[in-house]
Amino acid sequence: MLDRIRASLPALPPAEQRVAKLLLNDSRSFATLPVSELAKRAHVSKPTVVRFCRSVGYDGLADFKRKLAGSVNEGVPFVHRAVDEDDKVDDVIVKVIDNAVSALLKYRNDAAGLAFDRAVAALVAAGKGGRRIEFYGVGNSGIVAQDAQHKFFRLGVNAAAISDSHVQVMSATMLQPGDCAVIISNSGRSRDLIDVAEIARKKGATTIFITTSGSPLAAMGQSGSQQVLLPVDHPEDFDRYSPMVSRLLHLLVIDILTTSVALKLGKELRPMLQDIKRNLRSKRYAVPG
């Protein structure tokens, strides 16, 4: 909600911009102060405060404050950080989507292009050389690893997704220089993934980490030339809420890697992708004519 208002700031009239700046500077106070005090602090009239609320898409000041309170306060523990206990379905729709869009736009601005260049180069080299590309994740991140394997194997590379900790250890033990291990973790603190990352490093494989900054796995991703960190940071408390935004961001990173690798593999890949699409048509029912 606040990111959307910040983005729309230049389009507002000057008086409403002052209200918006007051909001962005202290959103918690804005949610509790009466309209007279808001108008006084922003140096505008009381109707201007109401017009601002309507300009940014709300029914009025009361509606704006109610939704602002849900945006700046903590959400329902173990459910979602943006929603409140008494939210209607319409409110949940707006909050969940706004939460996701805000995180995606923030990641677009924060993503490190150089780190992606290094990751893509390693994956392309592994793909062209017939080397192994292994995706490791546990729990929710294991689902992202499966999505990565599904996308990469269509590129004709040797890709696998492994979420069982014992199989991960065996797989990492068989890695060699030139192979790639992509380790996906929301918290960056999973003992199983830290162990398997250390094994992959010792075996000389290029290790790519998709995880949060400041975590033990992130530190490993910055420990040498064969390690690549793709940091994914978000406001979601992984100990308190279901990992929703983090999953979307991790899937986005996989999409960026897949698309970049596909482009680097060259035109020879396209006939195979065309054949896959053609053969998949036989698995669909014909449209009634």
Protein backbone atom coordinates (compact mmCIF):
# COMPACT_ATOMS: atom_id res chain seq x y z
CA MET A 1 0.00 0.00 0.00
CA LEU A 2 2.73 2.47 0.98
CA ASP A 3 4.89 1.53 -2.01
CA ARG A 4 1.97 2.13 -4.35
CA ILE A 5 1.32 5.57 -2.82
CA ARG A 6 5.01 6.44 -3.01
CA ALA A 7 5.02 5.54 -6.72
CA SER A 8 1.94 7.70 -7.39
CA LEU A 9 3.32 10.73 -5.53
CA PRO A 10 4.40 12.75 -8.63
CA ALA A 11 0.90 12.50 -10.12
CA LEU A 12 -0.85 14.05 -7.10
CA PRO A 13 -1.66 17.78 -6.76
CA PRO A 14 0.83 19.70 -4.59
CA ALA A 15 -1.48 19.88 -1.55
CA GLU A 16 -2.20 16.13 -1.69
CA GLN A 17 1.52 15.47 -2.09
CA ARG A 18 2.03 17.09 1.31
CA VAL A 19 -0.50 14.69 2.81
CA ALA A 20 1.23 11.77 1.11
CA LYS A 21 4.63 12.84 2.45
CA LEU A 22 3.20 13.10 5.94
CA LEU A 23 1.87 9.57 5.56
CA LEU A 24 5.13 8.15 4.23
CA ASN A 25 7.19 9.82 6.96
CA ASP A 26 5.08 8.40 9.82
CA SER A 27 2.48 5.92 8.63
CA ARG A 28 1.70 4.59 12.11
CA SER A 29 0.76 8.01 13.45
CA PHE A 30 -1.24 8.77 10.31
CA ALA A 31 -3.42 5.73 11.03
CA THR A 32 -4.40 7.05 14.48
CA LEU A 33 -4.50 10.86 14.26
CA PRO A 34 -7.79 12.74 13.69
CA VAL A 35 -8.34 14.52 10.39
CA SER A 36 -7.89 17.95 12.00
CA GLU A 37 -4.42 17.03 13.26
CA LEU A 38 -3.47 15.46 9.92
CA ALA A 39 -4.54 18.62 8.10
CA LYS A 40 -2.59 20.78 10.53
CA ARG A 41 0.61 18.77 10.20
CA ALA A 42 0.39 18.66 6.40
CA HIS A 43 -0.54 22.37 6.17
CA VAL A 44 -3.68 21.60 4.17
CA SER A 45 -7.44 21.74 4.72
CA LYS A 46 -9.41 18.82 6.12
CA PRO A 47 -11.20 18.21 2.77
CA THR A 48 -7.76 17.90 1.12
CA VAL A 49 -6.91 14.99 3.41
CA VAL A 50 -10.12 13.23 2.35
CA ARG A 51 -9.47 14.02 -1.33
CA PHE A 52 -6.02 12.48 -1.03
CA CYS A 53 -7.52 9.25 0.31
CA ARG A 54 -9.91 9.12 -2.63
CA SER A 55 -7.19 10.00 -5.14
CA VAL A 56 -5.21 6.94 -4.16
CA GLY A 57 -8.21 4.64 -4.51
CA TYR A 58 -10.07 4.54 -1.18
CA ASP A 59 -13.59 5.48 -0.20
CA GLY A 60 -12.51 8.13 2.28
CA LEU A 61 -10.38 8.71 5.34
CA ALA A 62 -12.04 6.01 7.48
CA ASP A 63 -11.62 3.37 4.78
CA PHE A 64 -8.05 4.51 4.16
CA LYS A 65 -7.10 4.37 7.85
CA ARG A 66 -8.59 0.91 8.31
CA LYS A 67 -6.58 -0.51 5.45
CA LEU A 68 -3.48 1.44 6.40
CA ALA A 69 -3.59 -0.04 9.90
CA GLY A 70 -3.63 -3.52 8.39
CA SER A 71 -0.69 -2.60 6.17
CA VAL A 72 1.62 -1.19 8.86
CA ASN A 73 0.74 -3.64 11.65
CA GLU A 74 1.82 -7.24 11.92
CA GLY A 75 -0.58 -9.73 10.35
CA VAL A 76 -2.10 -12.91 11.73
CA PRO A 77 0.68 -15.16 13.09
CA PHE A 78 1.38 -18.27 10.98
CA VAL A 79 -1.06 -17.09 8.28
CA HIS A 80 0.02 -13.95 6.40
CA ARG A 81 1.86 -10.79 7.39
CA ALA A 82 -0.52 -8.42 5.59
CA VAL A 83 -3.96 -9.59 6.69
CA ASP A 84 -6.03 -9.01 9.82
CA GLU A 85 -8.35 -11.35 11.68
CA ASP A 86 -11.49 -9.50 10.60
CA ASP A 87 -10.57 -8.89 6.95
CA LYS A 88 -13.23 -9.63 4.37
CA VAL A 89 -12.33 -11.64 1.29
CA ASP A 90 -12.16 -8.44 -0.77
CA ASP A 91 -9.60 -7.06 1.69
CA VAL A 92 -7.57 -10.26 1.58
CA ILE A 93 -7.48 -10.14 -2.23
CA VAL A 94 -6.13 -6.59 -2.25
CA LYS A 95 -3.65 -7.13 0.57
CA VAL A 96 -2.17 -10.39 -0.68
CA ILE A 97 -1.79 -9.08 -4.23
CA ASP A 98 -0.38 -5.72 -3.10
CA ASN A 99 2.05 -7.51 -0.80
CA ALA A 100 3.28 -9.69 -3.67
CA VAL A 101 3.50 -6.88 -6.21
CA SER A 102 5.39 -4.66 -3.77
CA ALA A 103 7.93 -7.40 -3.08
CA LEU A 104 8.41 -8.13 -6.80
CA LEU A 105 8.97 -4.47 -7.64
CA LYS A 106 11.42 -4.08 -4.77
CA TYR A 107 13.35 -7.14 -5.96
CA ARG A 108 13.46 -5.73 -9.49
CA ASN A 109 15.27 -2.69 -8.10
CA ASP A 110 17.56 -4.66 -5.79
CA ALA A 111 18.57 -7.61 -8.01
CA ALA A 112 22.32 -7.85 -8.58
CA GLY A 113 22.99 -8.13 -12.32
CA LEU A 114 26.64 -9.15 -11.93
CA ALA A 115 25.73 -12.08 -9.69
CA PHE A 116 23.13 -13.23 -12.21
CA ASP A 117 25.74 -12.98 -14.98
CA ARG A 118 28.04 -15.31 -13.06
CA ALA A 119 25.25 -17.77 -12.27
CA VAL A 120 24.02 -17.86 -15.87
CA ALA A 121 27.55 -18.34 -17.21
CA ALA A 122 28.11 -21.31 -14.91
CA LEU A 123 24.75 -22.90 -15.79
CA VAL A 124 25.32 -22.41 -19.53
CA ALA A 125 28.78 -23.94 -19.31
CA ALA A 126 27.38 -26.91 -17.40
CA GLY A 127 24.55 -27.33 -19.89
CA LYS A 128 26.76 -27.17 -22.96
CA GLY A 129 29.31 -29.46 -21.39
CA GLY A 130 26.78 -32.12 -20.46
CA ARG A 131 27.53 -31.59 -16.79
CA ARG A 132 25.05 -32.03 -13.94
CA ILE A 133 22.82 -29.24 -12.66
CA GLU A 134 21.33 -30.18 -9.28
CA PHE A 135 18.64 -28.17 -7.49
CA TYR A 136 18.52 -28.66 -3.72
CA GLY A 137 15.73 -27.47 -1.41
CA VAL A 138 13.77 -28.75 1.58
CA GLY A 139 10.15 -28.11 2.54
CA ASN A 140 8.70 -25.16 0.67
CA SER A 141 12.01 -24.60 -1.11
CA GLY A 142 11.91 -28.19 -2.30
CA ILE A 143 8.82 -27.28 -4.34
CA VAL A 144 10.76 -24.43 -5.95
CA ALA A 145 13.57 -26.86 -6.74
CA GLN A 146 11.06 -29.12 -8.52
CA ASP A 147 9.84 -26.16 -10.56
CA ALA A 148 13.45 -25.37 -11.50
CA GLN A 149 14.08 -28.93 -12.63
CA HIS A 150 10.86 -28.91 -14.67
CA LYS A 151 11.97 -25.74 -16.47
CA PHE A 152 15.61 -26.65 -17.00
CA PHE A 153 15.21 -30.21 -18.27
CA ARG A 154 13.18 -28.83 -21.19
CA LEU A 155 16.35 -27.03 -22.27
CA GLY A 156 17.99 -30.38 -22.90
CA VAL A 157 20.37 -30.15 -19.94
CA ASN A 158 21.06 -32.74 -17.25
CA ALA A 159 18.91 -31.29 -14.45
CA ALA A 160 17.55 -32.86 -11.26
CA ALA A 161 15.68 -31.65 -8.17
CA ILE A 162 16.37 -33.32 -4.83
CA SER A 163 14.58 -32.58 -1.57
CA ASP A 164 15.40 -35.69 0.51
CA SER A 165 18.34 -34.85 2.78
CA HIS A 166 19.98 -38.27 2.50
CA VAL A 167 19.76 -38.29 -1.30
CA GLN A 168 21.09 -34.72 -1.34
CA VAL A 169 24.21 -35.85 0.49
CA MET A 170 24.73 -38.73 -1.96
CA SER A 171 24.12 -36.48 -4.95
CA ALA A 172 26.48 -33.75 -3.74
CA THR A 173 29.17 -36.35 -3.03
CA MET A 174 29.10 -37.35 -6.72
CA LEU A 175 29.46 -33.77 -7.99
CA GLN A 176 32.60 -32.79 -9.90
CA PRO A 177 34.21 -29.57 -11.15
CA GLY A 178 32.04 -28.19 -13.93
CA ASP A 179 28.80 -29.33 -12.29
CA CYS A 180 26.40 -26.82 -10.72
CA ALA A 181 24.56 -27.11 -7.41
CA VAL A 182 21.72 -24.59 -6.96
CA ILE A 183 20.72 -24.35 -3.31
CA ILE A 184 17.38 -22.73 -2.50
CA SER A 185 16.45 -21.69 1.03
CA ASN A 186 14.12 -19.09 2.50
CA SER A 187 15.81 -18.81 5.89
CA GLY A 188 19.32 -19.74 4.78
CA ARG A 189 19.69 -21.66 8.05
CA SER A 190 18.66 -25.19 7.08
CA ARG A 191 21.19 -27.60 8.54
CA ASP A 192 20.65 -30.10 5.71
CA LEU A 193 21.32 -27.50 3.00
CA ILE A 194 24.35 -26.07 4.80
CA ASP A 195 25.81 -29.59 4.97
CA VAL A 196 25.15 -30.33 1.30
CA ALA A 197 26.55 -26.94 0.24
CA GLU A 198 29.80 -27.73 2.05
CA ILE A 199 30.05 -31.10 0.31
CA ALA A 200 29.41 -29.51 -3.11
CA ARG A 201 32.09 -26.89 -2.43
CA LYS A 202 34.66 -29.52 -1.47
CA LYS A 203 33.90 -31.44 -4.66
CA GLY A 204 34.70 -28.37 -6.76
CA ALA A 205 31.21 -27.78 -8.14
CA THR A 206 29.95 -24.26 -8.76
CA THR A 207 27.44 -23.56 -6.01
CA ILE A 208 24.66 -21.01 -6.56
CA PHE A 209 22.74 -19.84 -3.49
CA ILE A 210 19.21 -18.42 -3.67
CA THR A 211 18.62 -17.26 -0.11
CA THR A 212 18.30 -14.27 2.22
CA SER A 213 21.22 -11.93 2.89
CA GLY A 214 23.05 -12.30 6.17
CA SER A 215 22.24 -15.98 6.58
CA PRO A 216 24.79 -18.80 6.97
CA LEU A 217 24.10 -19.96 3.40
CA ALA A 218 24.53 -16.41 2.10
CA ALA A 219 27.94 -16.27 3.80
CA MET A 220 28.91 -19.49 2.04
CA GLY A 221 27.81 -17.94 -1.26
CA GLN A 222 30.42 -15.21 -0.83
CA SER A 223 33.30 -17.45 0.23
CA GLY A 224 35.02 -18.12 -3.10
CA SER A 225 35.12 -17.78 -6.87
CA GLN A 226 33.09 -20.98 -7.35
CA GLN A 227 30.26 -19.73 -5.14
CA VAL A 228 27.55 -17.33 -6.36
CA LEU A 229 25.03 -15.60 -4.10
CA LEU A 230 21.68 -14.47 -5.51
CA PRO A 231 20.23 -12.72 -2.45
CA VAL A 232 16.45 -12.65 -2.09
CA ASP A 233 15.32 -10.35 0.71
CA HIS A 234 11.72 -9.62 1.68
CA PRO A 235 9.77 -8.40 4.75
CA GLU A 236 8.30 -11.82 5.50
CA ASP A 237 9.31 -13.28 8.89
CA PHE A 238 9.96 -16.93 8.02
CA ASP A 239 9.66 -17.96 11.68
CA ARG A 240 6.25 -16.30 12.07
CA TYR A 241 4.38 -16.46 8.75
CA SER A 242 3.75 -18.94 5.97
CA PRO A 243 6.40 -18.42 3.26
CA MET A 244 4.32 -16.88 0.47
CA VAL A 245 6.21 -13.89 -0.91
CA SER A 246 9.56 -15.67 -0.59
CA ARG A 247 8.27 -18.55 -2.69
CA LEU A 248 7.11 -16.15 -5.43
CA LEU A 249 10.49 -14.40 -5.42
CA HIS A 250 12.38 -17.68 -5.60
CA LEU A 251 10.21 -18.81 -8.52
CA LEU A 252 10.93 -15.48 -10.18
CA VAL A 253 14.69 -16.02 -9.79
CA ILE A 254 14.32 -19.46 -11.38
CA ASP A 255 12.39 -17.90 -14.29
CA ILE A 256 15.16 -15.31 -14.79
CA LEU A 257 17.83 -18.03 -14.79
CA THR A 258 15.85 -20.30 -17.13
CA THR A 259 15.14 -17.54 -19.63
CA SER A 260 18.74 -16.28 -19.59
CA VAL A 261 20.18 -19.77 -20.02
CA ALA A 262 17.76 -20.55 -22.86
CA LEU A 263 18.86 -17.41 -24.71
CA LYS A 264 22.54 -18.25 -24.20
CA LEU A 265 22.16 -21.83 -25.41
CA GLY A 266 21.39 -20.47 -28.87
CA LYS A 267 19.12 -21.10 -31.81
CA GLU A 268 19.72 -24.86 -31.83
CA LEU A 269 17.49 -25.10 -28.76
CA ARG A 270 14.40 -23.71 -30.48
CA PRO A 271 13.59 -26.67 -32.76
CA MET A 272 13.57 -28.96 -29.71
CA LEU A 273 11.24 -26.64 -27.82
CA GLN A 274 9.01 -26.51 -30.89
CA ASP A 275 8.94 -30.33 -31.00
CA ILE A 276 8.02 -30.47 -27.31
CA LYS A 277 5.10 -28.10 -27.88
CA ARG A 278 3.98 -30.05 -30.92
CA ASN A 279 4.08 -33.39 -29.13
CA LEU A 280 2.26 -32.02 -26.09
CA ARG A 281 -0.69 -31.05 -28.27
CA SER A 282 -1.54 -34.74 -28.60
CA LYS A 283 -2.12 -34.86 -24.84
CA ARG A 284 -4.96 -32.34 -25.05
CA TYR A 285 -8.57 -32.88 -26.00
CA ALA A 286 -9.52 -31.36 -29.31
CA VAL A 287 -11.62 -28.20 -29.14
CA PRO A 288 -15.20 -29.01 -30.25
CA GLY A 289 -15.70 -27.60 -33.68
